[in-house]
Amino acid sequence: MESASAAAEFRPASAAALPAFGASAREAFAARYNRASFMFQHELHHDPLFALPSLVELVRRRPPDPLHAYWSNGKVGVGHRWDARVAPRLTLEDTVAHIADNDSLAMLKHLETDAVFGPFMRQVCARVIELAGPAMRDDVLVGRGTILIASPGRLTSYHIDSDTNFLFQIAGAKSLSVFDQLDRTLTTHEELERYYDGDPNGAVFKESRQEDARVYELLPGCGVHIPSMAAHWALNCAQPSVALSVNFDLRSVRRLGRIYHFNCKLRRHGIKPHPPGSSALRDVLKLAALSGLSAAHRIARHSPDGVRSQNG
């Protein structure tokens, strides 16, 4: 499936009807943060930092390693794995510099550590936390920024993220499908277990469920909040797309992920685990057991080769 035409569209009555990325939007952000996706407006698209020459300079300043960048060349489908190789691999600089005609997607990560983008990103992160209020401020572990650059017609494959996301469309237009993060008939417990066990492709696209997506038609100046674990995919329109993704790791989600990670281990041993939240006591015991395993692994890694305990 390569189009959002079958989805139920969501279009605001007007841009004025959307909450703005400013003090007046505090109530809207606080009410919906990490509960449901929603659209908002912003002014970030006017900043020259996001012009293509600035982005090429960003690429040149940073190493093209997995910590700082991801890029994929060639046409992909909505259900493609993120590690799929569908075309000869270009350099990251060539991918970004010629994004208009190379059918690619590039992600430039950890803007908060960049000398040029860092101060700007810290301001944006602080504003997001301010608008979302205490529920977010008391839960946040770390925030970071990623720039997403996509060719005309390029598709971003279906996936889930453990972080909570505020996506700012900067240039070009795209159609973004976002699904309910709480629907376990859509994203199953088993899929979440695989994801938290280290498989970024753990969630599987179900074409028959596309009609359940909320589809946002994004233009420059539009933004969307994507809650943690809300599956989503995007289809770029006729011009190159630039978007800023502002992501936050949360204590509550990290705890949930650790339980799913432990459940994946149990399932491998033929045990059908109880999902997180079904028993507070089980959740605590699983977290304690996982902490014990981690401690044992750390001890083993630092022990001299061949040294074993004589007490079993």
C-alpha atoms as a PDB file:
ATOM      1  CA  MET A   1       0.000   0.000   0.000  1.00  0.00           C
ATOM      2  CA  GLU A   2       1.559   3.302  -1.049  1.00  0.00           C
ATOM      3  CA  SER A   3      -1.161   5.900  -0.566  1.00  0.00           C
ATOM      4  CA  ALA A   4      -3.319   7.291   2.177  1.00  0.00           C
ATOM      5  CA  SER A   5      -6.381   7.587  -0.040  1.00  0.00           C
ATOM      6  CA  ALA A   6      -8.202   4.759   1.763  1.00  0.00           C
ATOM      7  CA  ALA A   7      -7.808   6.432   5.154  1.00  0.00           C
ATOM      8  CA  ALA A   8     -10.269   8.627   6.956  1.00  0.00           C
ATOM      9  CA  GLU A   9      -8.865  12.142   6.541  1.00  0.00           C
ATOM     10  CA  PHE A  10      -8.504  14.618   9.349  1.00  0.00           C
ATOM     11  CA  ARG A  11      -8.482  18.225   8.200  1.00  0.00           C
ATOM     12  CA  PRO A  12      -8.834  21.169  10.553  1.00  0.00           C
ATOM     13  CA  ALA A  13     -11.481  23.718   9.636  1.00  0.00           C
ATOM     14  CA  SER A  14      -8.710  26.336   9.376  1.00  0.00           C
ATOM     15  CA  ALA A  15      -5.200  26.972  10.597  1.00  0.00           C
ATOM     16  CA  ALA A  16      -6.657  29.417  13.096  1.00  0.00           C
ATOM     17  CA  ALA A  17      -8.577  26.538  14.697  1.00  0.00           C
ATOM     18  CA  LEU A  18      -5.332  24.763  15.617  1.00  0.00           C
ATOM     19  CA  PRO A  19      -3.557  25.372  18.916  1.00  0.00           C
ATOM     20  CA  ALA A  20      -0.376  27.383  18.355  1.00  0.00           C
ATOM     21  CA  PHE A  21       3.031  26.393  19.633  1.00  0.00           C
ATOM     22  CA  GLY A  22       2.916  29.116  22.277  1.00  0.00           C
ATOM     23  CA  ALA A  23       1.542  30.021  25.691  1.00  0.00           C
ATOM     24  CA  SER A  24      -2.063  30.084  24.467  1.00  0.00           C
ATOM     25  CA  ALA A  25      -1.851  26.358  23.633  1.00  0.00           C
ATOM     26  CA  ARG A  26      -0.926  25.233  27.150  1.00  0.00           C
ATOM     27  CA  GLU A  27      -4.384  23.824  27.903  1.00  0.00           C
ATOM     28  CA  ALA A  28      -4.587  21.864  24.620  1.00  0.00           C
ATOM     29  CA  PHE A  29      -1.087  20.409  24.975  1.00  0.00           C
ATOM     30  CA  ALA A  30      -1.581  19.447  28.622  1.00  0.00           C
ATOM     31  CA  ALA A  31      -4.938  17.784  27.959  1.00  0.00           C
ATOM     32  CA  ARG A  32      -3.740  15.638  25.041  1.00  0.00           C
ATOM     33  CA  TYR A  33      -0.065  15.032  25.731  1.00  0.00           C
ATOM     34  CA  ASN A  34       0.751  11.318  25.296  1.00  0.00           C
ATOM     35  CA  ARG A  35      -2.970  10.462  25.354  1.00  0.00           C
ATOM     36  CA  ALA A  36      -3.921  11.087  21.736  1.00  0.00           C
ATOM     37  CA  SER A  37      -2.399  12.533  18.585  1.00  0.00           C
ATOM     38  CA  PHE A  38      -3.351  16.095  17.731  1.00  0.00           C
ATOM     39  CA  MET A  39      -2.412  18.806  15.279  1.00  0.00           C
ATOM     40  CA  PHE A  40      -0.993  22.239  16.102  1.00  0.00           C
ATOM     41  CA  GLN A  41       0.543  25.214  14.295  1.00  0.00           C
ATOM     42  CA  HIS A  42       4.027  26.673  14.650  1.00  0.00           C
ATOM     43  CA  GLU A  43       6.469  29.198  13.145  1.00  0.00           C
ATOM     44  CA  LEU A  44       9.632  27.091  13.042  1.00  0.00           C
ATOM     45  CA  HIS A  45       9.458  26.795   9.268  1.00  0.00           C
ATOM     46  CA  HIS A  46      10.585  30.426   8.944  1.00  0.00           C
ATOM     47  CA  ASP A  47      13.977  29.702  10.541  1.00  0.00           C
ATOM     48  CA  PRO A  48      16.859  29.599   7.986  1.00  0.00           C
ATOM     49  CA  LEU A  49      18.501  26.845  10.034  1.00  0.00           C
ATOM     50  CA  PHE A  50      16.296  24.369   8.163  1.00  0.00           C
ATOM     51  CA  ALA A  51      17.195  25.497   4.625  1.00  0.00           C
ATOM     52  CA  LEU A  52      18.902  22.810   2.540  1.00  0.00           C
ATOM     53  CA  PRO A  53      22.375  24.459   2.510  1.00  0.00           C
ATOM     54  CA  SER A  54      22.279  24.587   6.324  1.00  0.00           C
ATOM     55  CA  LEU A  55      21.336  20.905   6.466  1.00  0.00           C
ATOM     56  CA  VAL A  56      24.200  19.954   4.135  1.00  0.00           C
ATOM     57  CA  GLU A  57      26.571  21.857   6.430  1.00  0.00           C
ATOM     58  CA  LEU A  58      25.121  19.939   9.383  1.00  0.00           C
ATOM     59  CA  VAL A  59      25.941  16.670   7.600  1.00  0.00           C
ATOM     60  CA  ARG A  60      29.512  17.825   7.007  1.00  0.00           C
ATOM     61  CA  ARG A  61      30.010  18.706  10.677  1.00  0.00           C
ATOM     62  CA  ARG A  62      29.053  15.298  12.001  1.00  0.00           C
ATOM     63  CA  PRO A  63      30.174  11.682  11.444  1.00  0.00           C
ATOM     64  CA  PRO A  64      27.830   9.557   9.271  1.00  0.00           C
ATOM     65  CA  ASP A  65      27.455   6.852  11.919  1.00  0.00           C
ATOM     66  CA  PRO A  66      24.259   5.278  13.349  1.00  0.00           C
ATOM     67  CA  LEU A  67      24.391   7.531  16.415  1.00  0.00           C
ATOM     68  CA  HIS A  68      24.130  10.668  14.300  1.00  0.00           C
ATOM     69  CA  ALA A  69      22.311   9.596  11.132  1.00  0.00           C
ATOM     70  CA  TYR A  70      20.095   7.113   9.337  1.00  0.00           C
ATOM     71  CA  TRP A  71      19.491   7.147   5.616  1.00  0.00           C
ATOM     72  CA  SER A  72      17.772   4.896   3.120  1.00  0.00           C
ATOM     73  CA  ASN A  73      17.965   5.109  -0.663  1.00  0.00           C
ATOM     74  CA  GLY A  74      15.346   3.792  -3.065  1.00  0.00           C
ATOM     75  CA  LYS A  75      11.634   3.190  -3.118  1.00  0.00           C
ATOM     76  CA  VAL A  76      10.094   1.391  -0.107  1.00  0.00           C
ATOM     77  CA  GLY A  77       6.615   0.210   0.835  1.00  0.00           C
ATOM     78  CA  VAL A  78       4.649   0.915   3.978  1.00  0.00           C
ATOM     79  CA  GLY A  79       5.509  -2.513   5.406  1.00  0.00           C
ATOM     80  CA  HIS A  80       9.214  -2.502   4.546  1.00  0.00           C
ATOM     81  CA  ARG A  81      11.752  -3.116   7.292  1.00  0.00           C
ATOM     82  CA  TRP A  82      13.914  -0.142   8.212  1.00  0.00           C
ATOM     83  CA  ASP A  83      17.049  -2.105   7.377  1.00  0.00           C
ATOM     84  CA  ALA A  84      15.808  -3.014   3.872  1.00  0.00           C
ATOM     85  CA  ARG A  85      18.301  -2.327   1.061  1.00  0.00           C
ATOM     86  CA  VAL A  86      16.306  -1.565  -2.079  1.00  0.00           C
ATOM     87  CA  ALA A  87      18.833   0.537  -4.042  1.00  0.00           C
ATOM     88  CA  PRO A  88      22.577   1.233  -4.177  1.00  0.00           C
ATOM     89  CA  ARG A  89      23.642   3.133  -1.074  1.00  0.00           C
ATOM     90  CA  LEU A  90      24.660   6.770  -1.563  1.00  0.00           C
ATOM     91  CA  THR A  91      26.759   8.779   0.836  1.00  0.00           C
ATOM     92  CA  LEU A  92      24.822  10.733   3.434  1.00  0.00           C
ATOM     93  CA  GLU A  93      25.974  14.052   1.962  1.00  0.00           C
ATOM     94  CA  ASP A  94      24.868  13.068  -1.552  1.00  0.00           C
ATOM     95  CA  THR A  95      21.571  11.799  -0.159  1.00  0.00           C
ATOM     96  CA  VAL A  96      20.781  15.133   1.510  1.00  0.00           C
ATOM     97  CA  ALA A  97      22.242  17.434  -1.160  1.00  0.00           C
ATOM     98  CA  HIS A  98      20.264  15.718  -3.940  1.00  0.00           C
ATOM     99  CA  ILE A  99      17.156  14.769  -1.974  1.00  0.00           C
ATOM    100  CA  ALA A 100      14.916  16.264  -4.658  1.00  0.00           C
ATOM    101  CA  ASP A 101      15.634  13.466  -7.124  1.00  0.00           C
ATOM    102  CA  ASN A 102      17.138  10.396  -5.386  1.00  0.00           C
ATOM    103  CA  ASP A 103      14.041   8.787  -3.784  1.00  0.00           C
ATOM    104  CA  SER A 104      15.547   8.773  -0.292  1.00  0.00           C
ATOM    105  CA  LEU A 105      14.913   9.383   3.384  1.00  0.00           C
ATOM    106  CA  ALA A 106      17.545  10.836   5.728  1.00  0.00           C
ATOM    107  CA  MET A 107      17.391  11.372   9.481  1.00  0.00           C
ATOM    108  CA  LEU A 108      19.950  13.650  11.138  1.00  0.00           C
ATOM    109  CA  LYS A 109      19.953  12.819  14.841  1.00  0.00           C
ATOM    110  CA  HIS A 110      20.894  14.438  18.147  1.00  0.00           C
ATOM    111  CA  LEU A 111      20.625  18.043  17.017  1.00  0.00           C
ATOM    112  CA  GLU A 112      20.857  19.029  20.686  1.00  0.00           C
ATOM    113  CA  THR A 113      24.562  18.136  20.634  1.00  0.00           C
ATOM    114  CA  ASP A 114      25.351  20.211  17.540  1.00  0.00           C
ATOM    115  CA  ALA A 115      27.108  23.559  18.051  1.00  0.00           C
ATOM    116  CA  VAL A 116      24.742  25.381  15.667  1.00  0.00           C
ATOM    117  CA  PHE A 117      21.408  23.631  16.264  1.00  0.00           C
ATOM    118  CA  GLY A 118      21.947  22.876  19.963  1.00  0.00           C
ATOM    119  CA  PRO A 119      20.786  26.190  21.497  1.00  0.00           C
ATOM    120  CA  PHE A 120      17.706  26.250  19.260  1.00  0.00           C
ATOM    121  CA  MET A 121      16.806  22.668  20.163  1.00  0.00           C
ATOM    122  CA  ARG A 122      17.107  23.307  23.871  1.00  0.00           C
ATOM    123  CA  GLN A 123      14.655  26.190  23.542  1.00  0.00           C
ATOM    124  CA  VAL A 124      12.156  24.040  21.607  1.00  0.00           C
ATOM    125  CA  CYS A 125      12.406  21.175  24.116  1.00  0.00           C
ATOM    126  CA  ALA A 126      11.861  23.558  27.014  1.00  0.00           C
ATOM    127  CA  ARG A 127       8.800  25.065  25.325  1.00  0.00           C
ATOM    128  CA  VAL A 128       7.257  21.629  24.708  1.00  0.00           C
ATOM    129  CA  ILE A 129       7.710  20.638  28.363  1.00  0.00           C
ATOM    130  CA  GLU A 130       6.305  23.978  29.506  1.00  0.00           C
ATOM    131  CA  LEU A 131       3.167  23.550  27.379  1.00  0.00           C
ATOM    132  CA  ALA A 132       2.562  19.908  28.335  1.00  0.00           C
ATOM    133  CA  GLY A 133       2.845  20.760  32.032  1.00  0.00           C
ATOM    134  CA  PRO A 134       3.655  18.768  35.181  1.00  0.00           C
ATOM    135  CA  ALA A 135       2.559  15.385  33.801  1.00  0.00           C
ATOM    136  CA  MET A 136       5.375  15.596  31.273  1.00  0.00           C
ATOM    137  CA  ARG A 137       7.907  17.577  33.307  1.00  0.00           C
ATOM    138  CA  ASP A 138       7.856  15.017  36.127  1.00  0.00           C
ATOM    139  CA  ASP A 139       8.234  12.094  33.720  1.00  0.00           C
ATOM    140  CA  VAL A 140      10.891  13.281  31.262  1.00  0.00           C
ATOM    141  CA  LEU A 141      14.333  11.692  31.259  1.00  0.00           C
ATOM    142  CA  VAL A 142      15.886  13.323  28.182  1.00  0.00           C
ATOM    143  CA  GLY A 143      14.863  15.243  25.061  1.00  0.00           C
ATOM    144  CA  ARG A 144      16.481  15.266  21.627  1.00  0.00           C
ATOM    145  CA  GLY A 145      15.942  16.511  18.092  1.00  0.00           C
ATOM    146  CA  THR A 146      16.027  14.798  14.690  1.00  0.00           C
ATOM    147  CA  ILE A 147      15.631  16.303  11.232  1.00  0.00           C
ATOM    148  CA  LEU A 148      13.800  14.144   8.695  1.00  0.00           C
ATOM    149  CA  ILE A 149      14.465  14.878   5.020  1.00  0.00           C
ATOM    150  CA  ALA A 150      12.508  13.006   2.346  1.00  0.00           C
ATOM    151  CA  SER A 151      12.342  12.968  -1.448  1.00  0.00           C
ATOM    152  CA  PRO A 152       9.145  13.724  -3.390  1.00  0.00           C
ATOM    153  CA  GLY A 153       6.795  10.756  -3.166  1.00  0.00           C
ATOM    154  CA  ARG A 154       9.014   8.995  -0.606  1.00  0.00           C
ATOM    155  CA  LEU A 155       7.293   6.836   1.965  1.00  0.00           C
ATOM    156  CA  THR A 156       8.348   6.466   5.613  1.00  0.00           C
ATOM    157  CA  SER A 157       7.564   2.887   6.605  1.00  0.00           C
ATOM    158  CA  TYR A 158       5.125   1.915   9.353  1.00  0.00           C
ATOM    159  CA  HIS A 159       6.745   1.790  12.787  1.00  0.00           C
ATOM    160  CA  ILE A 160       6.441   2.541  16.487  1.00  0.00           C
ATOM    161  CA  ASP A 161       8.704   4.571  18.771  1.00  0.00           C
ATOM    162  CA  SER A 162       9.123   4.314  22.512  1.00  0.00           C
ATOM    163  CA  ASP A 163       9.643   8.061  22.854  1.00  0.00           C
ATOM    164  CA  THR A 164       6.872  10.643  22.740  1.00  0.00           C
ATOM    165  CA  ASN A 165       7.142  12.821  19.646  1.00  0.00           C
ATOM    166  CA  PHE A 166       6.281  16.348  18.513  1.00  0.00           C
ATOM    167  CA  LEU A 167       6.680  16.573  14.721  1.00  0.00           C
ATOM    168  CA  PHE A 168       7.074  20.012  13.099  1.00  0.00           C
ATOM    169  CA  GLN A 169       6.603  20.136   9.311  1.00  0.00           C
ATOM    170  CA  ILE A 170       9.148  22.624   7.962  1.00  0.00           C
ATOM    171  CA  ALA A 171       9.128  22.322   4.157  1.00  0.00           C
ATOM    172  CA  GLY A 172       7.029  20.397   1.648  1.00  0.00           C
ATOM    173  CA  ALA A 173       3.829  18.525   2.416  1.00  0.00           C
ATOM    174  CA  LYS A 174       3.028  14.993   3.479  1.00  0.00           C
ATOM    175  CA  SER A 175       0.238  12.742   4.661  1.00  0.00           C
ATOM    176  CA  LEU A 176       0.839  11.230   8.092  1.00  0.00           C
ATOM    177  CA  SER A 177      -1.195   8.260   9.368  1.00  0.00           C
ATOM    178  CA  VAL A 178      -1.250   7.845  13.163  1.00  0.00           C
ATOM    179  CA  PHE A 179      -2.904   4.917  14.966  1.00  0.00           C
ATOM    180  CA  ASP A 180      -4.268   4.507  18.500  1.00  0.00           C
ATOM    181  CA  GLN A 181      -1.376   3.556  20.779  1.00  0.00           C
ATOM    182  CA  LEU A 182      -3.718   1.795  23.232  1.00  0.00           C
ATOM    183  CA  ASP A 183      -5.364  -0.580  20.729  1.00  0.00           C
ATOM    184  CA  ARG A 184      -3.816  -3.989  21.422  1.00  0.00           C
ATOM    185  CA  THR A 185      -5.740  -5.550  18.514  1.00  0.00           C
ATOM    186  CA  LEU A 186      -3.676  -3.262  16.284  1.00  0.00           C
ATOM    187  CA  THR A 187      -0.291  -3.319  18.014  1.00  0.00           C
ATOM    188  CA  THR A 188      -0.275  -6.550  19.975  1.00  0.00           C
ATOM    189  CA  HIS A 189       1.549  -7.344  23.202  1.00  0.00           C
ATOM    190  CA  GLU A 190       3.747  -9.759  21.240  1.00  0.00           C
ATOM    191  CA  GLU A 191       4.733  -6.980  18.820  1.00  0.00           C
ATOM    192  CA  LEU A 192       5.624  -4.699  21.716  1.00  0.00           C
ATOM    193  CA  GLU A 193       7.687  -7.465  23.262  1.00  0.00           C
ATOM    194  CA  ARG A 194       9.670  -7.859  20.044  1.00  0.00           C
ATOM    195  CA  TYR A 195      10.173  -4.107  19.781  1.00  0.00           C
ATOM    196  CA  TYR A 196      11.479  -3.790  23.342  1.00  0.00           C
ATOM    197  CA  ASP A 197      13.663  -6.838  22.805  1.00  0.00           C
ATOM    198  CA  GLY A 198      15.548  -4.845  20.183  1.00  0.00           C
ATOM    199  CA  ASP A 199      13.622  -5.260  16.913  1.00  0.00           C
ATOM    200  CA  PRO A 200      12.723  -1.771  15.537  1.00  0.00           C
ATOM    201  CA  ASN A 201      10.417  -3.543  13.055  1.00  0.00           C
ATOM    202  CA  GLY A 202       8.478  -5.313  15.812  1.00  0.00           C
ATOM    203  CA  ALA A 203       5.154  -3.695  14.858  1.00  0.00           C
ATOM    204  CA  VAL A 204       3.556  -5.170  11.724  1.00  0.00           C
ATOM    205  CA  PHE A 205       1.444  -3.082   9.335  1.00  0.00           C
ATOM    206  CA  LYS A 206      -2.079  -4.450   8.863  1.00  0.00           C
ATOM    207  CA  GLU A 207      -3.512  -3.021   5.663  1.00  0.00           C
ATOM    208  CA  SER A 208      -7.054  -3.907   6.711  1.00  0.00           C
ATOM    209  CA  ARG A 209      -6.677  -1.529   9.676  1.00  0.00           C
ATOM    210  CA  GLN A 210      -5.592   1.539   7.692  1.00  0.00           C
ATOM    211  CA  GLU A 211      -9.128   2.896   7.924  1.00  0.00           C
ATOM    212  CA  ASP A 212      -8.617   3.147  11.690  1.00  0.00           C
ATOM    213  CA  ALA A 213      -5.792   5.670  11.286  1.00  0.00           C
ATOM    214  CA  ARG A 214      -6.156   9.370  11.808  1.00  0.00           C
ATOM    215  CA  VAL A 215      -4.566  10.966   8.753  1.00  0.00           C
ATOM    216  CA  TYR A 216      -3.017  14.417   9.044  1.00  0.00           C
ATOM    217  CA  GLU A 217      -2.321  16.441   5.909  1.00  0.00           C
ATOM    218  CA  LEU A 218       0.759  18.444   6.876  1.00  0.00           C
ATOM    219  CA  LEU A 219       1.942  21.699   5.317  1.00  0.00           C
ATOM    220  CA  PRO A 220       4.813  23.926   6.485  1.00  0.00           C
ATOM    221  CA  GLY A 221       3.767  25.440   9.792  1.00  0.00           C
ATOM    222  CA  CYS A 222       1.737  22.380  10.843  1.00  0.00           C
ATOM    223  CA  GLY A 223       2.754  20.027  13.626  1.00  0.00           C
ATOM    224  CA  VAL A 224       1.475  16.745  15.067  1.00  0.00           C
ATOM    225  CA  HIS A 225       1.933  15.174  18.472  1.00  0.00           C
ATOM    226  CA  ILE A 226       2.508  11.399  18.248  1.00  0.00           C
ATOM    227  CA  PRO A 227       2.156   9.604  21.603  1.00  0.00           C
ATOM    228  CA  SER A 228       4.632   6.961  22.677  1.00  0.00           C
ATOM    229  CA  MET A 229       4.033   3.626  20.913  1.00  0.00           C
ATOM    230  CA  ALA A 230       1.471   5.105  18.488  1.00  0.00           C
ATOM    231  CA  ALA A 231       2.164   3.336  15.182  1.00  0.00           C
ATOM    232  CA  HIS A 232       2.521   5.701  12.228  1.00  0.00           C
ATOM    233  CA  TRP A 233       3.705   6.025   8.638  1.00  0.00           C
ATOM    234  CA  ALA A 234       3.999   8.917   6.184  1.00  0.00           C
ATOM    235  CA  LEU A 235       3.756   9.599   2.458  1.00  0.00           C
ATOM    236  CA  ASN A 236       5.558  12.654   1.115  1.00  0.00           C
ATOM    237  CA  CYS A 237       3.916  14.806  -1.561  1.00  0.00           C
ATOM    238  CA  ALA A 238       5.383  16.357  -4.708  1.00  0.00           C
ATOM    239  CA  GLN A 239       8.164  18.441  -3.120  1.00  0.00           C
ATOM    240  CA  PRO A 240      11.088  17.506  -0.871  1.00  0.00           C
ATOM    241  CA  SER A 241      10.013  17.357   2.755  1.00  0.00           C
ATOM    242  CA  VAL A 242      11.876  18.648   5.796  1.00  0.00           C
ATOM    243  CA  ALA A 243      10.483  18.029   9.294  1.00  0.00           C
ATOM    244  CA  LEU A 244      11.794  18.420  12.824  1.00  0.00           C
ATOM    245  CA  SER A 245      11.036  15.574  15.223  1.00  0.00           C
ATOM    246  CA  VAL A 246      11.376  16.514  18.911  1.00  0.00           C
ATOM    247  CA  ASN A 247      11.437  13.341  21.022  1.00  0.00           C
ATOM    248  CA  PHE A 248      11.410  12.679  24.755  1.00  0.00           C
ATOM    249  CA  ASP A 249      12.222   9.525  26.706  1.00  0.00           C
ATOM    250  CA  LEU A 250       9.864   9.062  29.677  1.00  0.00           C
ATOM    251  CA  ARG A 251      10.388   7.218  32.969  1.00  0.00           C
ATOM    252  CA  SER A 252       6.945   5.629  32.759  1.00  0.00           C
ATOM    253  CA  VAL A 253       7.530   4.303  29.247  1.00  0.00           C
ATOM    254  CA  ARG A 254      11.003   3.018  30.089  1.00  0.00           C
ATOM    255  CA  ARG A 255       9.507   1.034  32.977  1.00  0.00           C
ATOM    256  CA  LEU A 256       6.825  -0.369  30.667  1.00  0.00           C
ATOM    257  CA  GLY A 257       9.456  -1.296  28.115  1.00  0.00           C
ATOM    258  CA  ARG A 258      11.517  -3.206  30.656  1.00  0.00           C
ATOM    259  CA  ILE A 259       8.480  -5.329  31.545  1.00  0.00           C
ATOM    260  CA  TYR A 260       7.815  -6.071  27.876  1.00  0.00           C
ATOM    261  CA  HIS A 261      11.497  -6.966  27.462  1.00  0.00           C
ATOM    262  CA  PHE A 262      11.252  -9.454  30.349  1.00  0.00           C
ATOM    263  CA  ASN A 263       8.004 -10.877  28.919  1.00  0.00           C
ATOM    264  CA  CYS A 264       9.796 -11.521  25.641  1.00  0.00           C
ATOM    265  CA  LYS A 265      12.355 -13.627  27.519  1.00  0.00           C
ATOM    266  CA  LEU A 266       9.550 -15.585  29.208  1.00  0.00           C
ATOM    267  CA  ARG A 267       7.799 -16.202  25.893  1.00  0.00           C
ATOM    268  CA  ARG A 268      11.002 -17.645  24.428  1.00  0.00           C
ATOM    269  CA  HIS A 269      10.923 -20.240  27.201  1.00  0.00           C
ATOM    270  CA  GLY A 270       7.388 -21.283  26.349  1.00  0.00           C
ATOM    271  CA  ILE A 271       5.692 -19.162  29.042  1.00  0.00           C
ATOM    272  CA  LYS A 272       2.736 -16.996  28.083  1.00  0.00           C
ATOM    273  CA  PRO A 273       3.380 -13.847  30.135  1.00  0.00           C
ATOM    274  CA  HIS A 274       0.837 -11.539  31.675  1.00  0.00           C
ATOM    275  CA  PRO A 275       1.001  -8.130  29.948  1.00  0.00           C
ATOM    276  CA  PRO A 276       2.156  -5.044  31.865  1.00  0.00           C
ATOM    277  CA  GLY A 277      -0.539  -3.562  34.061  1.00  0.00           C
ATOM    278  CA  SER A 278      -2.452  -6.786  34.614  1.00  0.00           C
ATOM    279  CA  SER A 279      -0.837  -7.235  38.038  1.00  0.00           C
ATOM    280  CA  ALA A 280       1.148  -4.602  39.928  1.00  0.00           C
ATOM    281  CA  LEU A 281       2.919  -7.305  41.951  1.00  0.00           C
ATOM    282  CA  ARG A 282       3.972  -9.256  38.843  1.00  0.00           C
ATOM    283  CA  ASP A 283       5.300  -6.068  37.279  1.00  0.00           C
ATOM    284  CA  VAL A 284       7.422  -5.294  40.335  1.00  0.00           C
ATOM    285  CA  LEU A 285       8.792  -8.851  40.445  1.00  0.00           C
ATOM    286  CA  LYS A 286       9.666  -8.779  36.746  1.00  0.00           C
ATOM    287  CA  LEU A 287      11.510  -5.488  37.135  1.00  0.00           C
ATOM    288  CA  ALA A 288      13.414  -6.861  40.116  1.00  0.00           C
ATOM    289  CA  ALA A 289      14.306 -10.038  38.222  1.00  0.00           C
ATOM    290  CA  LEU A 290      15.469  -8.049  35.205  1.00  0.00           C
ATOM    291  CA  SER A 291      17.613  -5.825  37.432  1.00  0.00           C
ATOM    292  CA  GLY A 292      19.131  -8.958  38.965  1.00  0.00           C
ATOM    293  CA  LEU A 293      19.948 -10.353  35.531  1.00  0.00           C
ATOM    294  CA  SER A 294      21.533  -7.078  34.476  1.00  0.00           C
ATOM    295  CA  ALA A 295      23.662  -6.988  37.611  1.00  0.00           C
ATOM    296  CA  ALA A 296      24.768 -10.593  37.051  1.00  0.00           C
ATOM    297  CA  HIS A 297      25.745  -9.819  33.455  1.00  0.00           C
ATOM    298  CA  ARG A 298      27.765  -6.797  34.568  1.00  0.00           C
ATOM    299  CA  ILE A 299      29.603  -8.871  37.163  1.00  0.00           C
ATOM    300  CA  ALA A 300      30.301 -11.590  34.600  1.00  0.00           C
ATOM    301  CA  ARG A 301      31.685  -9.088  32.105  1.00  0.00           C
ATOM    302  CA  HIS A 302      34.113  -7.689  34.666  1.00  0.00           C
ATOM    303  CA  SER A 303      35.243 -11.038  36.115  1.00  0.00           C
ATOM    304  CA  PRO A 304      38.653 -12.411  35.082  1.00  0.00           C
ATOM    305  CA  ASP A 305      38.437 -15.083  32.389  1.00  0.00           C
ATOM    306  CA  GLY A 306      37.992 -18.546  33.803  1.00  0.00           C
ATOM    307  CA  VAL A 307      37.137 -17.457  37.368  1.00  0.00           C
ATOM    308  CA  ARG A 308      33.954 -19.127  38.664  1.00  0.00           C
ATOM    309  CA  SER A 309      32.252 -19.209  42.015  1.00  0.00           C
ATOM    310  CA  GLN A 310      32.731 -22.448  43.966  1.00  0.00           C
ATOM    311  CA  ASN A 311      29.377 -21.993  45.709  1.00  0.00           C
ATOM    312  CA  GLY A 312      27.151 -22.485  42.666  1.00  0.00           C
END
